[in-house]
Amino acid sequence: MKDRIYQLMKYQGMSQKEFAATLCIAEGTLSGIFTGRTRPTNNIVNAIHECFPHISINWLMFGEGEMLLEDAASHAPETAAGQSDLFSSATPPSFEPNSTPSPAPQIQEVVKYVDKPQRKITEIRVFYDDGTFETFSS
């Protein structure tokens, strides 16, 4: 599947940075997929489907059929050369070039402090490379 994601990125004329921003994922995540360190998750497949609804999910996930859905290819406007103009731009239809992708919802972690008496240092030990050590006590 990583090869098909890479093929889609190149087909859209995007750099790795632009493609990651479009999908609202970290560049490192995308890099990990391309190098084989990481497998694409369902969330990434879903993000691709939302950003590029004209791409066949069966092709993306299983390599079956054509990359483009038939509806997207048949309804594409024709150019003077007779080729589809639907994917000639480097940006997907829902992507505005000067806008920044909306950040993922942030999870706020709450730390609960329990009343405990304040701790004090009572002893410090320093170990040396010759196997000796010193102890400092208060």
N, C-alpha and C. Protein backbone atom coordinates (compact mmCIF):
# COMPACT_ATOMS: atom_id res chain seq x y z
N MET A 1 0.82 -1.19 0.00
CA MET A 1 0.00 0.00 0.00
C MET A 1 0.87 1.25 0.00
N LYS A 2 2.06 1.18 0.59
CA LYS A 2 2.92 2.37 0.63
C LYS A 2 3.28 2.86 -0.77
N ASP A 3 3.47 1.92 -1.71
CA ASP A 3 3.78 2.31 -3.08
C ASP A 3 2.61 3.04 -3.73
N ARG A 4 1.38 2.61 -3.41
CA ARG A 4 0.21 3.26 -3.99
C ARG A 4 0.00 4.65 -3.38
N ILE A 5 0.30 4.80 -2.10
CA ILE A 5 0.21 6.13 -1.47
C ILE A 5 1.24 7.05 -2.11
N TYR A 6 2.45 6.54 -2.33
CA TYR A 6 3.49 7.33 -2.98
C TYR A 6 3.07 7.70 -4.41
N GLN A 7 2.48 6.74 -5.12
CA GLN A 7 2.01 6.98 -6.47
C GLN A 7 0.94 8.07 -6.49
N LEU A 8 0.02 8.04 -5.52
CA LEU A 8 -1.02 9.05 -5.42
C LEU A 8 -0.41 10.43 -5.16
N MET A 9 0.56 10.49 -4.26
CA MET A 9 1.22 11.76 -3.95
C MET A 9 1.86 12.35 -5.21
N LYS A 10 2.58 11.53 -5.96
CA LYS A 10 3.22 11.99 -7.19
C LYS A 10 2.19 12.36 -8.24
N TYR A 11 1.10 11.59 -8.32
CA TYR A 11 0.04 11.87 -9.28
C TYR A 11 -0.58 13.24 -9.01
N GLN A 12 -0.71 13.59 -7.73
CA GLN A 12 -1.27 14.88 -7.35
C GLN A 12 -0.24 16.01 -7.51
N GLY A 13 1.02 15.65 -7.80
CA GLY A 13 2.06 16.65 -7.98
C GLY A 13 2.47 17.32 -6.69
N MET A 14 2.39 16.59 -5.60
CA MET A 14 2.69 17.16 -4.28
C MET A 14 4.02 16.66 -3.76
N SER A 15 4.65 17.50 -2.96
CA SER A 15 5.83 17.06 -2.23
C SER A 15 5.35 16.28 -1.01
N GLN A 16 6.27 15.62 -0.35
CA GLN A 16 5.91 14.85 0.84
C GLN A 16 5.35 15.78 1.91
N LYS A 17 5.93 16.96 2.02
CA LYS A 17 5.48 17.94 3.01
C LYS A 17 4.05 18.40 2.70
N GLU A 18 3.78 18.72 1.44
CA GLU A 18 2.44 19.17 1.05
C GLU A 18 1.40 18.06 1.24
N PHE A 19 1.79 16.84 0.89
CA PHE A 19 0.86 15.71 1.00
C PHE A 19 0.52 15.45 2.47
N ALA A 20 1.53 15.49 3.34
CA ALA A 20 1.29 15.28 4.78
C ALA A 20 0.40 16.38 5.33
N ALA A 21 0.64 17.63 4.91
CA ALA A 21 -0.18 18.74 5.39
C ALA A 21 -1.63 18.60 4.91
N THR A 22 -1.82 18.14 3.68
CA THR A 22 -3.16 17.95 3.16
C THR A 22 -3.91 16.89 3.96
N LEU A 23 -3.20 15.84 4.36
CA LEU A 23 -3.83 14.76 5.13
C LEU A 23 -3.89 15.06 6.62
N CYS A 24 -3.27 16.18 7.03
CA CYS A 24 -3.20 16.56 8.46
C CYS A 24 -2.50 15.48 9.28
N ILE A 25 -1.38 14.97 8.74
CA ILE A 25 -0.56 14.02 9.49
C ILE A 25 0.86 14.57 9.53
N ALA A 26 1.65 14.07 10.45
CA ALA A 26 3.03 14.51 10.57
C ALA A 26 3.86 14.01 9.39
N GLU A 27 4.82 14.83 8.99
CA GLU A 27 5.70 14.42 7.89
C GLU A 27 6.46 13.15 8.26
N GLY A 28 6.83 13.01 9.51
CA GLY A 28 7.54 11.82 9.97
C GLY A 28 6.71 10.56 9.82
N THR A 29 5.41 10.69 10.03
CA THR A 29 4.52 9.54 9.86
C THR A 29 4.51 9.10 8.41
N LEU A 30 4.41 10.08 7.51
CA LEU A 30 4.41 9.76 6.08
C LEU A 30 5.75 9.19 5.65
N SER A 31 6.82 9.75 6.15
CA SER A 31 8.16 9.25 5.84
C SER A 31 8.32 7.80 6.33
N GLY A 32 7.81 7.53 7.52
CA GLY A 32 7.87 6.18 8.07
C GLY A 32 7.12 5.17 7.21
N ILE A 33 6.01 5.61 6.63
CA ILE A 33 5.25 4.72 5.73
C ILE A 33 6.07 4.43 4.48
N PHE A 34 6.67 5.48 3.90
CA PHE A 34 7.43 5.30 2.66
C PHE A 34 8.69 4.46 2.86
N THR A 35 9.30 4.53 4.04
CA THR A 35 10.50 3.73 4.28
C THR A 35 10.17 2.33 4.77
N GLY A 36 8.92 2.08 5.11
CA GLY A 36 8.52 0.75 5.56
C GLY A 36 8.61 0.56 7.06
N ARG A 37 8.99 1.60 7.81
CA ARG A 37 9.05 1.48 9.27
C ARG A 37 7.66 1.41 9.88
N THR A 38 6.70 2.05 9.23
CA THR A 38 5.35 2.16 9.76
C THR A 38 4.36 1.69 8.72
N ARG A 39 3.31 1.03 9.16
CA ARG A 39 2.23 0.65 8.25
C ARG A 39 1.14 1.71 8.30
N PRO A 40 0.51 1.98 7.16
CA PRO A 40 -0.58 2.97 7.17
C PRO A 40 -1.73 2.50 8.04
N THR A 41 -2.25 3.39 8.86
CA THR A 41 -3.36 3.06 9.73
C THR A 41 -4.69 3.33 9.04
N ASN A 42 -5.76 2.89 9.64
CA ASN A 42 -7.10 3.17 9.11
C ASN A 42 -7.36 4.67 9.07
N ASN A 43 -6.83 5.40 10.06
CA ASN A 43 -7.01 6.85 10.07
C ASN A 43 -6.37 7.51 8.86
N ILE A 44 -5.22 7.01 8.44
CA ILE A 44 -4.54 7.57 7.27
C ILE A 44 -5.32 7.25 6.00
N VAL A 45 -5.79 6.02 5.89
CA VAL A 45 -6.61 5.64 4.73
C VAL A 45 -7.87 6.49 4.69
N ASN A 46 -8.49 6.73 5.85
CA ASN A 46 -9.68 7.55 5.91
C ASN A 46 -9.36 8.99 5.51
N ALA A 47 -8.22 9.53 5.95
CA ALA A 47 -7.82 10.89 5.58
C ALA A 47 -7.61 10.99 4.07
N ILE A 48 -7.00 9.98 3.48
CA ILE A 48 -6.80 9.97 2.02
C ILE A 48 -8.15 9.96 1.32
N HIS A 49 -9.06 9.14 1.82
CA HIS A 49 -10.39 9.04 1.21
C HIS A 49 -11.15 10.37 1.31
N GLU A 50 -11.02 11.06 2.43
CA GLU A 50 -11.71 12.34 2.60
C GLU A 50 -11.10 13.42 1.72
N CYS A 51 -9.77 13.44 1.61
CA CYS A 51 -9.10 14.47 0.82
C CYS A 51 -9.16 14.19 -0.68
N PHE A 52 -9.20 12.93 -1.05
CA PHE A 52 -9.18 12.53 -2.46
C PHE A 52 -10.32 11.54 -2.71
N PRO A 53 -11.56 12.01 -2.70
CA PRO A 53 -12.69 11.07 -2.86
C PRO A 53 -12.75 10.42 -4.24
N HIS A 54 -12.00 10.95 -5.19
CA HIS A 54 -11.97 10.38 -6.54
C HIS A 54 -11.04 9.18 -6.66
N ILE A 55 -10.34 8.83 -5.59
CA ILE A 55 -9.42 7.69 -5.59
C ILE A 55 -10.16 6.45 -5.08
N SER A 56 -9.99 5.35 -5.76
CA SER A 56 -10.64 4.09 -5.39
C SER A 56 -10.00 3.52 -4.13
N ILE A 57 -10.83 3.23 -3.15
CA ILE A 57 -10.35 2.63 -1.90
C ILE A 57 -9.83 1.22 -2.16
N ASN A 58 -10.49 0.47 -3.04
CA ASN A 58 -10.00 -0.88 -3.37
C ASN A 58 -8.62 -0.82 -3.99
N TRP A 59 -8.38 0.15 -4.85
CA TRP A 59 -7.05 0.31 -5.43
C TRP A 59 -6.05 0.67 -4.35
N LEU A 60 -6.41 1.63 -3.49
CA LEU A 60 -5.50 2.10 -2.46
C LEU A 60 -5.12 0.99 -1.49
N MET A 61 -6.11 0.26 -1.00
CA MET A 61 -5.83 -0.73 0.03
C MET A 61 -5.33 -2.07 -0.53
N PHE A 62 -5.88 -2.49 -1.67
CA PHE A 62 -5.59 -3.84 -2.15
C PHE A 62 -4.91 -3.89 -3.51
N GLY A 63 -4.81 -2.74 -4.19
CA GLY A 63 -4.22 -2.72 -5.52
C GLY A 63 -5.13 -3.27 -6.59
N GLU A 64 -6.43 -3.33 -6.30
CA GLU A 64 -7.39 -3.89 -7.25
C GLU A 64 -8.03 -2.77 -8.07
N GLY A 65 -8.12 -2.96 -9.38
CA GLY A 65 -8.79 -2.00 -10.24
C GLY A 65 -7.93 -0.80 -10.55
N GLU A 66 -8.60 0.26 -11.00
CA GLU A 66 -7.93 1.48 -11.39
C GLU A 66 -7.82 2.44 -10.21
N MET A 67 -6.86 3.36 -10.28
CA MET A 67 -6.67 4.33 -9.22
C MET A 67 -7.86 5.28 -9.13
N LEU A 68 -8.34 5.75 -10.27
CA LEU A 68 -9.44 6.71 -10.28
C LEU A 68 -10.77 5.99 -10.37
N LEU A 69 -11.75 6.51 -9.65
CA LEU A 69 -13.10 5.98 -9.76
C LEU A 69 -13.64 6.35 -11.13
N GLU A 70 -14.49 5.51 -11.68
CA GLU A 70 -15.02 5.74 -13.03
C GLU A 70 -15.82 7.03 -13.10
N ASP A 71 -16.59 7.34 -12.05
CA ASP A 71 -17.40 8.56 -12.05
C ASP A 71 -16.52 9.79 -12.16
N ALA A 72 -15.38 9.80 -11.44
CA ALA A 72 -14.50 10.97 -11.46
C ALA A 72 -13.87 11.14 -12.83
N ALA A 73 -13.48 10.05 -13.47
CA ALA A 73 -12.83 10.14 -14.78
C ALA A 73 -13.83 10.50 -15.87
N SER A 74 -15.07 9.97 -15.80
CA SER A 74 -16.04 10.22 -16.87
C SER A 74 -16.64 11.61 -16.78
N HIS A 75 -16.66 12.24 -15.61
CA HIS A 75 -17.23 13.56 -15.45
C HIS A 75 -16.19 14.66 -15.49
N ALA A 76 -14.96 14.32 -15.80
CA ALA A 76 -13.89 15.32 -15.82
C ALA A 76 -14.02 16.17 -17.07
N PRO A 77 -13.80 17.48 -16.95
CA PRO A 77 -13.84 18.32 -18.14
C PRO A 77 -12.68 18.00 -19.07
N GLU A 78 -12.92 18.07 -20.37
CA GLU A 78 -11.89 17.77 -21.35
C GLU A 78 -11.10 19.02 -21.68
N THR A 79 -9.80 18.87 -21.87
CA THR A 79 -8.94 19.97 -22.29
C THR A 79 -8.84 19.96 -23.80
N ALA A 80 -8.12 20.94 -24.33
CA ALA A 80 -7.97 21.02 -25.79
C ALA A 80 -7.27 19.79 -26.35
N ALA A 81 -6.38 19.20 -25.56
CA ALA A 81 -5.65 18.02 -26.03
C ALA A 81 -6.48 16.75 -25.86
N GLY A 82 -7.69 16.88 -25.26
CA GLY A 82 -8.54 15.71 -25.09
C GLY A 82 -8.25 14.94 -23.83
N GLN A 83 -7.42 15.48 -22.95
CA GLN A 83 -7.10 14.78 -21.71
C GLN A 83 -7.92 15.38 -20.59
N SER A 84 -8.14 14.59 -19.58
CA SER A 84 -8.91 15.04 -18.44
C SER A 84 -8.15 16.14 -17.70
N ASP A 85 -8.86 17.20 -17.34
CA ASP A 85 -8.25 18.33 -16.64
C ASP A 85 -8.51 18.26 -15.14
N LEU A 86 -9.19 17.20 -14.67
CA LEU A 86 -9.60 17.10 -13.28
C LEU A 86 -8.41 17.12 -12.33
N PHE A 87 -7.32 16.48 -12.71
CA PHE A 87 -6.19 16.34 -11.79
C PHE A 87 -4.98 17.11 -12.25
N SER A 88 -5.13 18.09 -13.11
CA SER A 88 -3.98 18.82 -13.61
C SER A 88 -3.40 19.75 -12.56
N SER A 89 -4.19 20.17 -11.60
CA SER A 89 -3.65 21.05 -10.57
C SER A 89 -2.99 20.22 -9.49
N ALA A 90 -2.01 20.82 -8.82
CA ALA A 90 -1.26 20.09 -7.80
C ALA A 90 -2.02 20.03 -6.50
N THR A 91 -3.10 20.80 -6.37
CA THR A 91 -3.84 20.82 -5.11
C THR A 91 -5.18 20.15 -5.30
N PRO A 92 -5.64 19.42 -4.30
CA PRO A 92 -6.95 18.78 -4.41
C PRO A 92 -8.05 19.83 -4.37
N PRO A 93 -9.24 19.51 -4.83
CA PRO A 93 -10.32 20.49 -4.91
C PRO A 93 -10.63 21.16 -3.58
N SER A 94 -10.54 20.45 -2.47
CA SER A 94 -10.91 21.03 -1.18
C SER A 94 -9.76 21.76 -0.50
N PHE A 95 -8.61 21.85 -1.13
CA PHE A 95 -7.44 22.46 -0.50
C PHE A 95 -7.22 23.86 -1.05
N GLU A 96 -7.21 24.86 -0.18
CA GLU A 96 -6.94 26.22 -0.59
C GLU A 96 -5.46 26.48 -0.38
N PRO A 97 -4.71 26.96 -1.40
CA PRO A 97 -3.27 27.10 -1.32
C PRO A 97 -2.76 27.96 -0.16
N ASN A 98 -3.48 29.01 0.19
CA ASN A 98 -2.99 29.91 1.24
C ASN A 98 -3.54 29.59 2.61
N SER A 99 -4.31 28.54 2.73
CA SER A 99 -4.85 28.19 4.04
C SER A 99 -3.97 27.14 4.69
N THR A 100 -4.01 27.13 6.00
CA THR A 100 -3.26 26.11 6.73
C THR A 100 -4.24 25.03 7.14
N PRO A 101 -3.80 23.78 7.16
CA PRO A 101 -4.71 22.72 7.54
C PRO A 101 -5.13 22.89 9.00
N SER A 102 -6.36 22.55 9.28
CA SER A 102 -6.82 22.68 10.65
C SER A 102 -6.10 21.66 11.51
N PRO A 103 -5.64 22.10 12.67
CA PRO A 103 -4.90 21.18 13.53
C PRO A 103 -5.81 20.10 14.10
N ALA A 104 -5.22 18.98 14.39
CA ALA A 104 -5.96 17.89 15.00
C ALA A 104 -6.42 18.33 16.38
N PRO A 105 -7.56 17.83 16.84
CA PRO A 105 -8.02 18.21 18.17
C PRO A 105 -6.99 17.82 19.21
N GLN A 106 -6.75 18.74 20.12
CA GLN A 106 -5.74 18.49 21.14
C GLN A 106 -6.39 17.84 22.35
N ILE A 107 -5.66 16.91 22.92
CA ILE A 107 -6.12 16.23 24.12
C ILE A 107 -5.44 16.88 25.31
N GLN A 108 -6.23 17.31 26.25
CA GLN A 108 -5.67 17.96 27.42
C GLN A 108 -5.50 16.92 28.52
N GLU A 109 -4.29 16.84 29.00
CA GLU A 109 -3.99 15.89 30.06
C GLU A 109 -4.08 16.61 31.39
N VAL A 110 -4.83 16.04 32.32
CA VAL A 110 -5.01 16.65 33.63
C VAL A 110 -4.17 15.88 34.63
N VAL A 111 -3.37 16.62 35.37
CA VAL A 111 -2.53 16.01 36.39
C VAL A 111 -3.17 16.32 37.74
N LYS A 112 -3.39 15.29 38.50
CA LYS A 112 -4.03 15.46 39.81
C LYS A 112 -2.96 15.34 40.88
N TYR A 113 -2.84 16.37 41.68
CA TYR A 113 -1.85 16.37 42.75
C TYR A 113 -2.54 15.93 44.04
N VAL A 114 -1.91 14.99 44.70
CA VAL A 114 -2.41 14.50 45.97
C VAL A 114 -1.58 15.16 47.06
N ASP A 115 -2.27 15.61 48.11
CA ASP A 115 -1.54 16.27 49.20
C ASP A 115 -0.62 15.27 49.89
N LYS A 116 0.66 15.55 49.78
CA LYS A 116 1.68 14.73 50.43
C LYS A 116 2.66 15.69 51.08
N PRO A 117 3.31 15.27 52.13
CA PRO A 117 4.31 16.15 52.73
C PRO A 117 5.47 16.35 51.76
N GLN A 118 6.06 17.55 51.77
CA GLN A 118 7.16 17.84 50.86
C GLN A 118 8.35 16.96 51.20
N ARG A 119 8.97 16.42 50.17
CA ARG A 119 10.13 15.54 50.35
C ARG A 119 11.39 16.37 50.48
N LYS A 120 12.35 15.81 51.22
CA LYS A 120 13.64 16.47 51.39
C LYS A 120 14.75 15.47 51.05
N ILE A 121 15.82 15.97 50.49
CA ILE A 121 16.97 15.12 50.15
C ILE A 121 17.70 14.79 51.45
N THR A 122 17.96 13.51 51.68
CA THR A 122 18.67 13.09 52.89
C THR A 122 20.05 12.53 52.58
N GLU A 123 20.27 12.07 51.34
CA GLU A 123 21.55 11.47 51.02
C GLU A 123 21.81 11.54 49.52
N ILE A 124 23.08 11.83 49.15
CA ILE A 124 23.50 11.83 47.75
C ILE A 124 24.74 10.95 47.65
N ARG A 125 24.75 10.06 46.66
CA ARG A 125 25.89 9.19 46.44
C ARG A 125 26.48 9.49 45.06
N VAL A 126 27.82 9.61 45.01
CA VAL A 126 28.52 9.86 43.76
C VAL A 126 29.41 8.65 43.51
N PHE A 127 29.22 8.01 42.34
CA PHE A 127 30.00 6.84 41.98
C PHE A 127 31.07 7.26 40.97
N TYR A 128 32.30 6.79 41.19
CA TYR A 128 33.42 7.12 40.30
C TYR A 128 33.75 5.92 39.42
N ASP A 129 34.46 6.18 38.31
CA ASP A 129 34.77 5.12 37.36
C ASP A 129 35.79 4.11 37.89
N ASP A 130 36.46 4.42 39.01
CA ASP A 130 37.40 3.45 39.58
C ASP A 130 36.73 2.51 40.59
N GLY A 131 35.40 2.58 40.67
CA GLY A 131 34.67 1.66 41.54
C GLY A 131 34.44 2.21 42.94
N THR A 132 34.92 3.40 43.24
CA THR A 132 34.71 3.98 44.57
C THR A 132 33.50 4.91 44.51
N PHE A 133 33.03 5.28 45.71
CA PHE A 133 31.91 6.22 45.77
C PHE A 133 32.01 7.03 47.05
N GLU A 134 31.31 8.16 47.08
CA GLU A 134 31.23 9.01 48.26
C GLU A 134 29.76 9.19 48.59
N THR A 135 29.45 9.28 49.88
CA THR A 135 28.08 9.51 50.32
C THR A 135 28.04 10.84 51.05
N PHE A 136 27.10 11.66 50.71
CA PHE A 136 26.89 12.94 51.38
C PHE A 136 25.52 12.89 52.04
N SER A 137 25.48 13.08 53.35
CA SER A 137 24.23 13.04 54.10
C SER A 137 23.97 14.40 54.73
N SER A 138 22.70 14.69 54.90
CA SER A 138 22.34 15.97 55.56
C SER A 138 22.06 15.76 57.01
